[in-house]
Structure formats: structure tokens, C-alpha cells
């Protein structure tokens, strides 16, 4: 004698629709995070570039042996309380005029904040502020700042 099962095996249409709905909800949630992740990655890249730029400026300023002379690469004079603004692209090219470097990424402002004249052993303090994008005036996406103590004696 042959027996027939009382219920057929497999998934019903309701179960399949429910599984597809749950999978779709999860997929949409994950796809919604992609722009956020890309934005965070771009910000991290810009911050890394800004810190590398500050490091390059610090190395350049350490090459200055006496006050009143300019640094070898960026031509920053120490002391300079009025400050100097540079525009730098991703390749390390720089200019003081933004129109000459249309693809500039960073705006760098270097300024002497403390210099004791006539005193030996006192460091010269340089403030370096890097903002991006370079063309933004007041509406910066990011900023990195550092104070450098230079012994030029």
C-alpha cells in the first residue's frame, strides 16, 4: 500500500515573499551606508594629506639657520607675524596665488606667533593651519593645525 504525505514539502509563496522582503530590507540598509563610508574615506585621505603637508613645512622650517632668512623650499621667512598663505596641490606644487594653481587642494597659512628678539635660547613659535578645499573661504570641509617650536639660535 502506498502512502501519500498529508503535506507537500517545499516553501509556500508567502514564505518566499517574506524571505525576499527581509533580504531586500537588509540589502537596502547596507547600500545606504556606502556613501557614508566613501565620505569618511575621503575625509581620512584629506586629513592624512594635511598632516603630511604640515610635516613637510616643519622639515622645511627646520632648515632655516638664522632669523630673517627664508626656508629653502616654501620660502617662508622667519619671523613673519603677518603670515604667508600658500596653495598646495596633491603633487606638492605650491603658489601664493590661487589663480596660478587651479587644482590646489589645500590652503596653508604659516605665521610667527611668538618670537623673542635679543634673547638666546628662546624658540620661535610658528603656527601652521591647513584647510581644505583651498577655494573655500570660511566654509572649509576640514582643518589641521599645529604649533612648531623652532630653535634658530
N, C-alpha and C. Protein backbone atom coordinates (compact mmCIF):
# COMPACT_ATOMS: atom_id res chain seq x y z
N UNK A 1 0.83 -1.17 0.00
CA UNK A 1 0.00 0.00 0.00
C UNK A 1 0.89 1.26 0.00
N UNK A 2 0.51 2.18 -0.80
CA UNK A 2 1.27 3.40 -0.97
C UNK A 2 0.70 4.49 -0.09
N UNK A 3 1.60 5.22 0.57
CA UNK A 3 1.15 6.32 1.45
C UNK A 3 1.48 7.66 0.80
N UNK A 4 0.56 8.55 0.85
CA UNK A 4 0.77 9.91 0.37
C UNK A 4 0.94 10.84 1.56
N UNK A 5 1.93 11.68 1.51
CA UNK A 5 2.08 12.59 2.64
C UNK A 5 0.90 13.56 2.72
N UNK A 6 0.58 13.91 3.94
CA UNK A 6 -0.55 14.82 4.13
C UNK A 6 -0.20 16.26 3.76
N UNK A 7 1.10 16.62 3.89
CA UNK A 7 1.54 17.96 3.49
C UNK A 7 2.64 17.82 2.45
N UNK A 8 2.66 18.70 1.50
CA UNK A 8 3.71 18.66 0.50
C UNK A 8 4.95 19.37 1.04
N UNK A 9 6.11 18.93 0.63
CA UNK A 9 7.35 19.57 1.08
C UNK A 9 7.67 20.76 0.18
N UNK A 10 8.41 21.77 0.72
CA UNK A 10 8.76 22.96 -0.03
C UNK A 10 8.30 24.21 0.70
N UNK A 11 8.51 25.36 0.04
CA UNK A 11 8.14 26.63 0.64
C UNK A 11 6.87 27.15 -0.01
N UNK A 12 6.08 27.79 0.77
CA UNK A 12 4.87 28.41 0.22
C UNK A 12 5.24 29.77 -0.37
N UNK A 13 4.34 30.31 -1.13
CA UNK A 13 4.56 31.61 -1.74
C UNK A 13 4.71 32.72 -0.70
N UNK A 14 4.00 32.62 0.40
CA UNK A 14 4.09 33.59 1.48
C UNK A 14 5.48 33.56 2.11
N UNK A 15 6.02 32.38 2.34
CA UNK A 15 7.35 32.25 2.94
C UNK A 15 8.43 32.82 2.02
N UNK A 16 8.33 32.55 0.75
CA UNK A 16 9.30 33.08 -0.22
C UNK A 16 9.22 34.60 -0.28
N UNK A 17 8.03 35.15 -0.30
CA UNK A 17 7.86 36.61 -0.35
C UNK A 17 8.41 37.26 0.92
N UNK A 18 8.19 36.64 2.06
CA UNK A 18 8.71 37.17 3.32
C UNK A 18 10.24 37.13 3.34
N UNK A 19 10.85 36.07 2.85
CA UNK A 19 12.31 35.96 2.81
C UNK A 19 12.91 37.00 1.86
N UNK A 20 12.27 37.21 0.73
CA UNK A 20 12.76 38.22 -0.22
C UNK A 20 12.62 39.61 0.38
N UNK A 21 11.55 39.87 1.10
CA UNK A 21 11.36 41.16 1.75
C UNK A 21 12.42 41.44 2.80
N UNK A 22 12.75 40.46 3.62
CA UNK A 22 13.79 40.62 4.64
C UNK A 22 15.16 40.84 3.99
N UNK A 23 15.46 40.05 2.96
CA UNK A 23 16.75 40.20 2.26
C UNK A 23 16.84 41.57 1.59
N UNK A 24 15.74 42.04 1.00
CA UNK A 24 15.74 43.36 0.37
C UNK A 24 15.94 44.47 1.38
N UNK A 25 15.32 44.37 2.53
CA UNK A 25 15.49 45.38 3.59
C UNK A 25 16.95 45.44 4.05
N UNK A 26 17.56 44.28 4.24
CA UNK A 26 18.97 44.24 4.65
C UNK A 26 19.88 44.82 3.57
N UNK A 27 19.60 44.50 2.32
CA UNK A 27 20.43 44.99 1.22
C UNK A 27 20.31 46.51 1.08
N UNK A 28 19.12 47.04 1.21
CA UNK A 28 18.93 48.50 1.13
C UNK A 28 19.65 49.20 2.28
N UNK A 29 19.62 48.60 3.47
CA UNK A 29 20.33 49.19 4.61
C UNK A 29 21.82 49.23 4.37
N UNK A 30 22.36 48.16 3.83
CA UNK A 30 23.81 48.11 3.56
C UNK A 30 24.18 49.09 2.45
N UNK A 31 23.38 49.16 1.40
CA UNK A 31 23.67 50.10 0.31
C UNK A 31 23.56 51.55 0.77
N UNK A 32 22.74 51.83 1.77
CA UNK A 32 22.63 53.17 2.31
C UNK A 32 23.88 53.62 3.05
N UNK A 33 24.69 52.67 3.50
CA UNK A 33 25.92 53.01 4.23
C UNK A 33 27.10 53.28 3.30
N UNK A 34 27.01 52.94 2.04
CA UNK A 34 28.13 53.12 1.12
C UNK A 34 28.52 54.60 0.96
N UNK A 35 27.59 55.53 0.74
CA UNK A 35 28.00 56.94 0.64
C UNK A 35 28.66 57.46 1.92
N UNK A 36 28.18 57.02 3.06
CA UNK A 36 28.78 57.44 4.33
C UNK A 36 30.22 56.93 4.42
N UNK A 37 30.43 55.68 4.04
CA UNK A 37 31.78 55.10 4.06
C UNK A 37 32.72 55.80 3.10
N UNK A 38 32.23 56.15 1.92
CA UNK A 38 33.07 56.87 0.96
C UNK A 38 33.43 58.26 1.46
N UNK A 39 32.49 58.93 2.11
CA UNK A 39 32.75 60.25 2.66
C UNK A 39 33.80 60.18 3.77
N UNK A 40 33.69 59.18 4.62
CA UNK A 40 34.68 59.00 5.70
C UNK A 40 36.06 58.70 5.11
N UNK A 41 36.12 57.88 4.07
CA UNK A 41 37.40 57.57 3.44
C UNK A 41 38.03 58.80 2.79
N UNK A 42 37.21 59.64 2.16
CA UNK A 42 37.74 60.85 1.55
C UNK A 42 38.23 61.83 2.61
N UNK A 43 37.51 61.96 3.70
CA UNK A 43 37.95 62.83 4.80
C UNK A 43 39.27 62.34 5.40
N UNK A 44 39.38 61.03 5.59
CA UNK A 44 40.61 60.47 6.14
C UNK A 44 41.79 60.73 5.21
N UNK A 45 41.57 60.62 3.91
CA UNK A 45 42.62 60.89 2.94
C UNK A 45 43.05 62.36 2.99
N UNK A 46 42.10 63.25 3.10
CA UNK A 46 42.42 64.68 3.18
C UNK A 46 43.17 65.02 4.46
N UNK A 47 42.77 64.42 5.57
CA UNK A 47 43.45 64.67 6.84
C UNK A 47 44.88 64.13 6.80
N UNK A 48 45.06 62.97 6.20
CA UNK A 48 46.42 62.42 6.07
C UNK A 48 47.29 63.32 5.22
N UNK A 49 46.74 63.82 4.12
CA UNK A 49 47.49 64.75 3.28
C UNK A 49 47.84 66.04 4.00
N UNK A 50 46.91 66.55 4.80
CA UNK A 50 47.16 67.80 5.54
C UNK A 50 48.26 67.60 6.58
N UNK A 51 48.23 66.48 7.28
CA UNK A 51 49.26 66.22 8.29
C UNK A 51 50.62 66.02 7.62
N UNK A 52 50.63 65.37 6.47
CA UNK A 52 51.90 65.21 5.73
C UNK A 52 52.42 66.56 5.26
N UNK A 53 51.53 67.44 4.87
CA UNK A 53 51.92 68.79 4.45
C UNK A 53 52.50 69.58 5.62
N UNK A 54 51.88 69.48 6.79
CA UNK A 54 52.41 70.14 7.99
C UNK A 54 53.80 69.59 8.31
N UNK A 55 53.97 68.29 8.17
CA UNK A 55 55.27 67.68 8.43
C UNK A 55 56.32 68.20 7.44
N UNK A 56 55.95 68.35 6.17
CA UNK A 56 56.89 68.88 5.17
C UNK A 56 57.25 70.33 5.46
N UNK A 57 56.28 71.12 5.88
CA UNK A 57 56.56 72.52 6.23
C UNK A 57 57.45 72.60 7.46
N UNK A 58 57.20 71.73 8.44
CA UNK A 58 58.05 71.72 9.64
C UNK A 58 59.49 71.36 9.28
N UNK A 59 59.66 70.36 8.42
CA UNK A 59 61.02 69.99 7.99
C UNK A 59 61.68 71.13 7.23
N UNK A 60 60.91 71.82 6.40
CA UNK A 60 61.45 72.95 5.65
C UNK A 60 61.85 74.10 6.58
N UNK A 61 61.03 74.38 7.58
CA UNK A 61 61.34 75.46 8.52
C UNK A 61 62.53 75.12 9.41
N UNK A 62 62.74 73.85 9.67
CA UNK A 62 63.90 73.45 10.49
C UNK A 62 65.22 73.64 9.75
N UNK A 63 65.16 73.81 8.44
CA UNK A 63 66.36 74.05 7.64
C UNK A 63 66.85 75.49 7.75
N UNK A 64 66.01 76.38 8.27
CA UNK A 64 66.40 77.78 8.43
C UNK A 64 67.38 77.86 9.60
N UNK A 65 68.52 78.48 9.35
CA UNK A 65 69.56 78.50 10.38
C UNK A 65 69.50 79.76 11.26
N UNK A 66 69.12 80.89 10.70
CA UNK A 66 69.06 82.13 11.47
C UNK A 66 67.77 82.88 11.16
N UNK A 67 67.38 83.76 12.06
CA UNK A 67 66.17 84.55 11.81
C UNK A 67 66.41 85.53 10.68
N UNK A 68 65.35 85.88 9.98
CA UNK A 68 65.44 86.83 8.88
C UNK A 68 65.72 86.17 7.55
N UNK A 69 65.88 84.88 7.53
CA UNK A 69 66.11 84.17 6.27
C UNK A 69 64.88 83.33 5.93
N UNK A 70 64.79 82.93 4.68
CA UNK A 70 63.63 82.17 4.21
C UNK A 70 63.96 80.68 4.17
N UNK A 71 62.93 79.88 4.32
CA UNK A 71 63.10 78.43 4.25
C UNK A 71 63.42 78.02 2.81
N UNK A 72 64.14 76.91 2.62
CA UNK A 72 64.62 76.56 1.28
C UNK A 72 63.53 76.25 0.26
N UNK A 73 62.50 75.50 0.62
CA UNK A 73 61.52 75.07 -0.37
C UNK A 73 60.31 76.00 -0.44
N UNK A 74 59.65 76.24 0.68
CA UNK A 74 58.43 77.03 0.69
C UNK A 74 58.68 78.53 0.77
N UNK A 75 59.92 78.95 0.97
CA UNK A 75 60.31 80.37 1.02
C UNK A 75 59.53 81.13 2.10
N UNK A 76 59.41 80.53 3.29
CA UNK A 76 58.73 81.16 4.41
C UNK A 76 59.77 81.88 5.25
N UNK A 77 59.58 83.18 5.44
CA UNK A 77 60.52 83.99 6.21
C UNK A 77 60.19 83.90 7.69
N UNK A 78 61.23 83.76 8.50
CA UNK A 78 61.06 83.70 9.96
C UNK A 78 61.83 84.87 10.55
N UNK A 79 61.27 85.66 11.42
CA UNK A 79 59.87 85.71 11.85
C UNK A 79 59.02 86.47 10.85
N UNK A 80 57.74 86.12 10.79
CA UNK A 80 56.78 86.78 9.92
C UNK A 80 55.44 86.81 10.63
N UNK A 81 55.15 87.91 11.32
CA UNK A 81 53.92 88.00 12.10
C UNK A 81 52.70 88.29 11.24
N UNK A 82 52.89 88.74 10.00
CA UNK A 82 51.75 88.97 9.11
C UNK A 82 51.26 87.66 8.50
N UNK A 83 52.14 86.70 8.38
CA UNK A 83 51.75 85.39 7.86
C UNK A 83 51.93 85.28 6.36
N UNK A 84 51.98 84.05 5.92
CA UNK A 84 52.10 83.75 4.50
C UNK A 84 51.07 82.68 4.16
N UNK A 85 50.36 82.88 3.06
CA UNK A 85 49.35 81.92 2.62
C UNK A 85 49.86 81.22 1.36
N UNK A 86 49.82 79.90 1.40
CA UNK A 86 50.23 79.08 0.27
C UNK A 86 49.06 78.23 -0.17
N UNK A 87 49.02 77.91 -1.46
CA UNK A 87 48.02 76.99 -2.01
C UNK A 87 48.78 75.81 -2.57
N UNK A 88 48.42 74.61 -2.14
CA UNK A 88 49.19 73.41 -2.48
C UNK A 88 48.28 72.38 -3.13
N UNK A 89 48.79 71.73 -4.19
CA UNK A 89 48.01 70.67 -4.82
C UNK A 89 48.46 69.31 -4.30
N UNK A 90 47.88 68.24 -4.83
CA UNK A 90 48.20 66.89 -4.36
C UNK A 90 49.63 66.47 -4.69
N UNK A 91 50.22 67.07 -5.70
CA UNK A 91 51.58 66.72 -6.10
C UNK A 91 52.67 67.46 -5.35
N UNK A 92 52.30 68.37 -4.46
CA UNK A 92 53.29 69.12 -3.71
C UNK A 92 53.66 70.45 -4.33
N UNK A 93 53.07 70.77 -5.48
CA UNK A 93 53.33 72.07 -6.10
C UNK A 93 52.59 73.14 -5.30
N UNK A 94 53.19 74.31 -5.16
CA UNK A 94 52.56 75.36 -4.38
C UNK A 94 52.72 76.71 -5.06
N UNK A 95 51.87 77.64 -4.65
CA UNK A 95 51.94 79.01 -5.12
C UNK A 95 51.29 79.90 -4.07
N UNK A 96 51.55 81.19 -4.17
CA UNK A 96 50.90 82.14 -3.27
C UNK A 96 49.66 82.74 -3.93
N UNK A 97 49.45 82.46 -5.21
CA UNK A 97 48.30 82.97 -5.95
C UNK A 97 47.44 81.78 -6.39
N UNK A 98 46.22 81.73 -5.91
CA UNK A 98 45.33 80.61 -6.20
C UNK A 98 45.01 80.51 -7.69
N UNK A 99 45.02 81.62 -8.41
CA UNK A 99 44.70 81.60 -9.84
C UNK A 99 45.78 80.86 -10.65
N UNK A 100 47.01 80.82 -10.13
CA UNK A 100 48.10 80.15 -10.84
C UNK A 100 48.09 78.64 -10.64
N UNK A 101 47.36 78.17 -9.65
CA UNK A 101 47.28 76.73 -9.38
C UNK A 101 45.80 76.36 -9.21
N UNK A 102 45.08 76.19 -10.33
CA UNK A 102 43.63 75.99 -10.24
C UNK A 102 43.22 74.68 -9.56
N UNK A 103 44.10 73.69 -9.54
CA UNK A 103 43.74 72.42 -8.90
C UNK A 103 44.30 72.29 -7.48
N UNK A 104 44.52 73.43 -6.82
CA UNK A 104 45.03 73.42 -5.45
C UNK A 104 44.01 72.75 -4.53
N UNK A 105 44.50 71.93 -3.62
CA UNK A 105 43.63 71.20 -2.70
C UNK A 105 43.64 71.82 -1.31
N UNK A 106 44.80 72.34 -0.90
CA UNK A 106 44.96 72.83 0.47
C UNK A 106 45.33 74.31 0.48
N UNK A 107 44.83 75.01 1.50
CA UNK A 107 45.25 76.38 1.79
C UNK A 107 46.08 76.30 3.07
N UNK A 108 47.32 76.80 3.04
CA UNK A 108 48.23 76.73 4.17
C UNK A 108 48.55 78.15 4.62
N UNK A 109 48.36 78.39 5.91
CA UNK A 109 48.71 79.69 6.48
C UNK A 109 49.77 79.46 7.54
N UNK A 110 50.92 80.11 7.35
CA UNK A 110 52.05 80.00 8.27
C UNK A 110 52.32 81.38 8.84
N UNK A 111 52.41 81.45 10.17
CA UNK A 111 52.55 82.74 10.83
C UNK A 111 53.38 82.58 12.09
N UNK A 112 54.26 83.54 12.37
CA UNK A 112 55.01 83.54 13.61
C UNK A 112 54.11 84.07 14.71
N UNK A 113 53.92 83.27 15.76
CA UNK A 113 53.05 83.70 16.85
C UNK A 113 53.83 84.15 18.07
N UNK A 114 55.11 83.77 18.14
CA UNK A 114 55.93 84.19 19.27
C UNK A 114 57.39 84.12 18.88
N UNK A 115 58.03 85.24 18.93
CA UNK A 115 59.46 85.30 18.67
C UNK A 115 60.06 86.31 19.63
N UNK A 116 60.94 85.87 20.48
CA UNK A 116 61.58 86.75 21.44
C UNK A 116 62.89 87.22 20.83
N UNK A 117 62.98 88.52 20.57
CA UNK A 117 64.19 89.05 19.96
C UNK A 117 65.21 89.40 21.04
N UNK A 118 66.45 89.16 20.73
CA UNK A 118 67.53 89.51 21.64
C UNK A 118 67.70 88.53 22.79
N UNK A 119 66.94 87.49 22.82
CA UNK A 119 67.03 86.51 23.89
C UNK A 119 67.55 85.20 23.32
N UNK A 120 68.58 84.67 23.92
CA UNK A 120 69.13 83.42 23.44
C UNK A 120 68.42 82.25 24.10
N UNK A 121 68.23 81.21 23.36
CA UNK A 121 67.60 80.01 23.89
C UNK A 121 66.09 80.00 23.82
N UNK A 122 65.47 81.08 23.36
CA UNK A 122 64.01 81.10 23.25
C UNK A 122 63.61 80.60 21.87
N UNK A 123 62.69 79.67 21.80
CA UNK A 123 62.28 79.17 20.48
C UNK A 123 61.36 80.15 19.77
N UNK A 124 61.35 80.07 18.46
CA UNK A 124 60.42 80.82 17.63
C UNK A 124 59.22 79.92 17.38
N UNK A 125 58.04 80.41 17.68
CA UNK A 125 56.82 79.60 17.54
C UNK A 125 56.14 79.95 16.22
N UNK A 126 55.91 78.94 15.40
CA UNK A 126 55.24 79.11 14.12
C UNK A 126 53.90 78.38 14.18
N UNK A 127 52.84 79.04 13.77
CA UNK A 127 51.52 78.43 13.70
C UNK A 127 51.25 78.06 12.25
N UNK A 128 50.94 76.78 12.02
CA UNK A 128 50.65 76.29 10.68
C UNK A 128 49.21 75.79 10.67
N UNK A 129 48.39 76.36 9.80
CA UNK A 129 46.99 75.96 9.67
C UNK A 129 46.76 75.52 8.23
N UNK A 130 46.28 74.29 8.08
CA UNK A 130 45.97 73.76 6.75
C UNK A 130 44.46 73.54 6.69
N UNK A 131 43.81 74.13 5.68
CA UNK A 131 42.38 73.94 5.47
C UNK A 131 42.14 73.42 4.06
N UNK A 132 41.04 72.74 3.89
CA UNK A 132 40.67 72.26 2.56
C UNK A 132 39.17 72.30 2.42
N UNK A 133 38.67 72.49 1.24
CA UNK A 133 39.36 72.75 -0.02
C UNK A 133 39.95 74.15 -0.05
N UNK A 134 40.90 74.33 -0.94
CA UNK A 134 41.65 75.60 -0.98
C UNK A 134 40.77 76.77 -1.39
N UNK A 135 39.79 76.54 -2.22
CA UNK A 135 38.95 77.63 -2.72
C UNK A 135 37.89 78.07 -1.74
N UNK A 136 37.64 77.28 -0.70
CA UNK A 136 36.61 77.65 0.28
C UNK A 136 37.12 78.78 1.16
N UNK A 137 36.29 79.77 1.35
CA UNK A 137 36.66 80.86 2.25
C UNK A 137 35.65 80.88 3.39
N UNK A 138 36.03 80.26 4.49
CA UNK A 138 35.16 80.21 5.65
C UNK A 138 34.29 78.96 5.70
N UNK A 139 34.07 78.30 4.57
CA UNK A 139 33.26 77.09 4.52
C UNK A 139 34.14 75.87 4.29
N UNK A 140 35.11 75.67 5.15
CA UNK A 140 36.06 74.59 4.98
C UNK A 140 35.44 73.26 5.35
N UNK A 141 35.84 72.23 4.63
CA UNK A 141 35.42 70.87 4.94
C UNK A 141 36.23 70.35 6.10
N UNK A 142 37.53 70.68 6.12
CA UNK A 142 38.40 70.19 7.18
C UNK A 142 39.53 71.14 7.48
N UNK A 143 40.17 70.89 8.62
CA UNK A 143 41.26 71.75 9.06
C UNK A 143 42.23 70.95 9.92
N UNK A 144 43.51 71.22 9.76
CA UNK A 144 44.54 70.67 10.63
C UNK A 144 45.43 71.83 11.05
N UNK A 145 45.84 71.82 12.31
CA UNK A 145 46.59 72.94 12.87
C UNK A 145 47.72 72.41 13.73
N UNK A 146 48.84 73.13 13.70
CA UNK A 146 49.98 72.73 14.52
C UNK A 146 50.78 73.96 14.91
N UNK A 147 51.41 73.89 16.07
CA UNK A 147 52.34 74.93 16.52
C UNK A 147 53.73 74.30 16.52
N UNK A 148 54.66 74.96 15.82
CA UNK A 148 56.03 74.45 15.74
C UNK A 148 56.95 75.33 16.56
N UNK A 149 57.76 74.73 17.38
CA UNK A 149 58.77 75.45 18.14
C UNK A 149 60.11 75.26 17.45
N UNK A 150 60.71 76.32 16.96
CA UNK A 150 61.96 76.25 16.23
C UNK A 150 63.07 76.95 17.00
N UNK A 151 64.18 76.28 17.15
CA UNK A 151 65.35 76.87 17.80
C UNK A 151 66.28 77.36 16.72
N UNK A 152 66.28 78.65 16.46
CA UNK A 152 67.09 79.24 15.39
C UNK A 152 68.36 79.88 15.92
N UNK A 153 68.74 79.57 17.13
CA UNK A 153 69.93 80.18 17.72
C UNK A 153 71.17 79.38 17.39
